[in-house]
Amino acid sequence: MKHEIIIDIPNHLDVSTSPELKNILFETISDVEAISTTGDIILDFSKTELVTSAGLRVLMQAQKNVQASSINMTMKNISPEVMEVFNITGVSKIFNIL
């Protein structure tokens, strides 16, 4: 059975919020792997206005983890400002973005 889980990304994904997001993401990845052979994790950026290097690091670590599994991680509702950060840093090439 395929599972879909939506995670809301905070307004500011920075050094103060990225540890909590990291915990949520890695627990979710483990949970999906434990109960299913496939799954989708949707990261909803509709409230996100700022992503710093600390936030990018967490997102890239999560992407690396899901690449080794049958989980798809997709990002959606990304603002132009956040997308610009993704494009400038080059991470937009490694993420699945809707």
C-alpha atoms as a PDB file:
ATOM      1  CA  MET A   1       0.000   0.000   0.000  1.00  0.00           C
ATOM      2  CA  LYS A   2       1.236   3.492  -0.870  1.00  0.00           C
ATOM      3  CA  HIS A   3       1.079   6.208   1.768  1.00  0.00           C
ATOM      4  CA  GLU A   4       1.014   9.987   1.265  1.00  0.00           C
ATOM      5  CA  ILE A   5       2.048  12.303   4.072  1.00  0.00           C
ATOM      6  CA  ILE A   6       1.958  16.098   3.905  1.00  0.00           C
ATOM      7  CA  ILE A   7       4.361  18.103   6.061  1.00  0.00           C
ATOM      8  CA  ASP A   8       3.884  21.848   6.446  1.00  0.00           C
ATOM      9  CA  ILE A   9       7.190  23.717   6.306  1.00  0.00           C
ATOM     10  CA  PRO A  10       7.470  26.611   8.813  1.00  0.00           C
ATOM     11  CA  ASN A  11       7.386  30.309   7.921  1.00  0.00           C
ATOM     12  CA  HIS A  12      11.158  30.553   8.430  1.00  0.00           C
ATOM     13  CA  LEU A  13      13.226  27.430   7.851  1.00  0.00           C
ATOM     14  CA  ASP A  14      16.399  28.434   9.630  1.00  0.00           C
ATOM     15  CA  VAL A  15      18.749  27.443  12.440  1.00  0.00           C
ATOM     16  CA  SER A  16      15.965  27.707  15.037  1.00  0.00           C
ATOM     17  CA  THR A  17      13.349  25.653  13.169  1.00  0.00           C
ATOM     18  CA  SER A  18      15.424  23.196  11.138  1.00  0.00           C
ATOM     19  CA  PRO A  19      16.193  20.787  14.032  1.00  0.00           C
ATOM     20  CA  GLU A  20      12.480  20.194  14.611  1.00  0.00           C
ATOM     21  CA  LEU A  21      11.844  19.746  10.895  1.00  0.00           C
ATOM     22  CA  LYS A  22      14.765  17.312  10.705  1.00  0.00           C
ATOM     23  CA  ASN A  23      13.221  15.219  13.487  1.00  0.00           C
ATOM     24  CA  ILE A  24       9.816  15.258  11.800  1.00  0.00           C
ATOM     25  CA  LEU A  25      11.230  14.367   8.374  1.00  0.00           C
ATOM     26  CA  PHE A  26      13.451  11.548   9.562  1.00  0.00           C
ATOM     27  CA  GLU A  27      10.726  10.058  11.772  1.00  0.00           C
ATOM     28  CA  THR A  28       8.301  10.245   8.852  1.00  0.00           C
ATOM     29  CA  ILE A  29      10.769   8.585   6.493  1.00  0.00           C
ATOM     30  CA  SER A  30      11.353   5.793   9.028  1.00  0.00           C
ATOM     31  CA  ASP A  31       7.617   5.359   9.600  1.00  0.00           C
ATOM     32  CA  VAL A  32       6.839   5.129   5.881  1.00  0.00           C
ATOM     33  CA  GLU A  33       9.662   2.621   5.370  1.00  0.00           C
ATOM     34  CA  ALA A  34       8.391   0.531   8.290  1.00  0.00           C
ATOM     35  CA  ILE A  35       4.752   0.310   7.159  1.00  0.00           C
ATOM     36  CA  SER A  36       4.951   0.458   3.400  1.00  0.00           C
ATOM     37  CA  THR A  37       7.087  -0.445   0.460  1.00  0.00           C
ATOM     38  CA  THR A  38       6.345   2.878  -1.245  1.00  0.00           C
ATOM     39  CA  GLY A  39       5.221   6.289  -0.147  1.00  0.00           C
ATOM     40  CA  ASP A  40       5.046   9.967  -0.926  1.00  0.00           C
ATOM     41  CA  ILE A  41       6.151  12.743   1.374  1.00  0.00           C
ATOM     42  CA  ILE A  42       4.820  16.113   0.277  1.00  0.00           C
ATOM     43  CA  LEU A  43       6.548  19.194   1.709  1.00  0.00           C
ATOM     44  CA  ASP A  44       4.127  22.126   1.615  1.00  0.00           C
ATOM     45  CA  PHE A  45       5.965  25.461   1.454  1.00  0.00           C
ATOM     46  CA  SER A  46       2.820  27.628   1.238  1.00  0.00           C
ATOM     47  CA  LYS A  47       3.661  29.408   4.532  1.00  0.00           C
ATOM     48  CA  THR A  48       7.431  29.568   3.982  1.00  0.00           C
ATOM     49  CA  GLU A  49       9.032  32.949   3.343  1.00  0.00           C
ATOM     50  CA  LEU A  50      12.669  32.213   4.213  1.00  0.00           C
ATOM     51  CA  VAL A  51      15.014  29.239   3.851  1.00  0.00           C
ATOM     52  CA  THR A  52      18.570  29.555   5.161  1.00  0.00           C
ATOM     53  CA  SER A  53      21.559  27.254   4.746  1.00  0.00           C
ATOM     54  CA  ALA A  54      20.537  25.364   7.891  1.00  0.00           C
ATOM     55  CA  GLY A  55      17.158  24.619   6.335  1.00  0.00           C
ATOM     56  CA  LEU A  56      18.707  23.648   3.004  1.00  0.00           C
ATOM     57  CA  ARG A  57      21.014  21.222   4.797  1.00  0.00           C
ATOM     58  CA  VAL A  58      18.054  19.422   6.402  1.00  0.00           C
ATOM     59  CA  LEU A  59      16.190  19.234   3.097  1.00  0.00           C
ATOM     60  CA  MET A  60      19.244  17.837   1.299  1.00  0.00           C
ATOM     61  CA  GLN A  61      19.836  15.234   4.043  1.00  0.00           C
ATOM     62  CA  ALA A  62      16.214  14.125   3.772  1.00  0.00           C
ATOM     63  CA  GLN A  63      16.468  13.959  -0.025  1.00  0.00           C
ATOM     64  CA  LYS A  64      19.560  11.780   0.271  1.00  0.00           C
ATOM     65  CA  ASN A  65      17.706   9.418   2.632  1.00  0.00           C
ATOM     66  CA  VAL A  66      14.661   9.032   0.392  1.00  0.00           C
ATOM     67  CA  GLN A  67      16.808   8.396  -2.695  1.00  0.00           C
ATOM     68  CA  ALA A  68      17.976   5.190  -1.043  1.00  0.00           C
ATOM     69  CA  SER A  69      14.372   4.046  -0.589  1.00  0.00           C
ATOM     70  CA  SER A  70      11.153   3.817  -2.568  1.00  0.00           C
ATOM     71  CA  ILE A  71       9.843   7.043  -1.056  1.00  0.00           C
ATOM     72  CA  ASN A  72       9.167  10.081  -3.224  1.00  0.00           C
ATOM     73  CA  MET A  73       9.674  13.481  -1.608  1.00  0.00           C
ATOM     74  CA  THR A  74       8.001  16.347  -3.436  1.00  0.00           C
ATOM     75  CA  MET A  75       7.949  20.058  -2.656  1.00  0.00           C
ATOM     76  CA  LYS A  76       5.002  22.243  -3.577  1.00  0.00           C
ATOM     77  CA  ASN A  77       3.651  25.777  -3.156  1.00  0.00           C
ATOM     78  CA  ILE A  78       7.120  27.340  -3.176  1.00  0.00           C
ATOM     79  CA  SER A  79       7.186  31.137  -3.226  1.00  0.00           C
ATOM     80  CA  PRO A  80       9.280  32.935  -5.865  1.00  0.00           C
ATOM     81  CA  GLU A  81      11.669  34.119  -3.118  1.00  0.00           C
ATOM     82  CA  VAL A  82      12.306  30.613  -1.806  1.00  0.00           C
ATOM     83  CA  MET A  83      12.546  29.255  -5.355  1.00  0.00           C
ATOM     84  CA  GLU A  84      15.206  31.862  -6.064  1.00  0.00           C
ATOM     85  CA  VAL A  85      17.254  30.517  -3.124  1.00  0.00           C
ATOM     86  CA  PHE A  86      16.830  26.977  -4.485  1.00  0.00           C
ATOM     87  CA  ASN A  87      17.923  28.093  -7.962  1.00  0.00           C
ATOM     88  CA  ILE A  88      20.910  30.163  -6.804  1.00  0.00           C
ATOM     89  CA  THR A  89      22.223  27.349  -4.614  1.00  0.00           C
ATOM     90  CA  GLY A  90      21.556  24.723  -7.291  1.00  0.00           C
ATOM     91  CA  VAL A  91      19.429  22.511  -5.056  1.00  0.00           C
ATOM     92  CA  SER A  92      16.415  22.937  -7.323  1.00  0.00           C
ATOM     93  CA  LYS A  93      18.120  20.390  -9.608  1.00  0.00           C
ATOM     94  CA  ILE A  94      18.050  17.641  -6.959  1.00  0.00           C
ATOM     95  CA  PHE A  95      14.554  18.221  -5.543  1.00  0.00           C
ATOM     96  CA  ASN A  96      11.255  17.120  -7.036  1.00  0.00           C
ATOM     97  CA  ILE A  97       9.380  20.435  -7.202  1.00  0.00           C
ATOM     98  CA  LEU A  98       5.783  20.916  -8.343  1.00  0.00           C
END
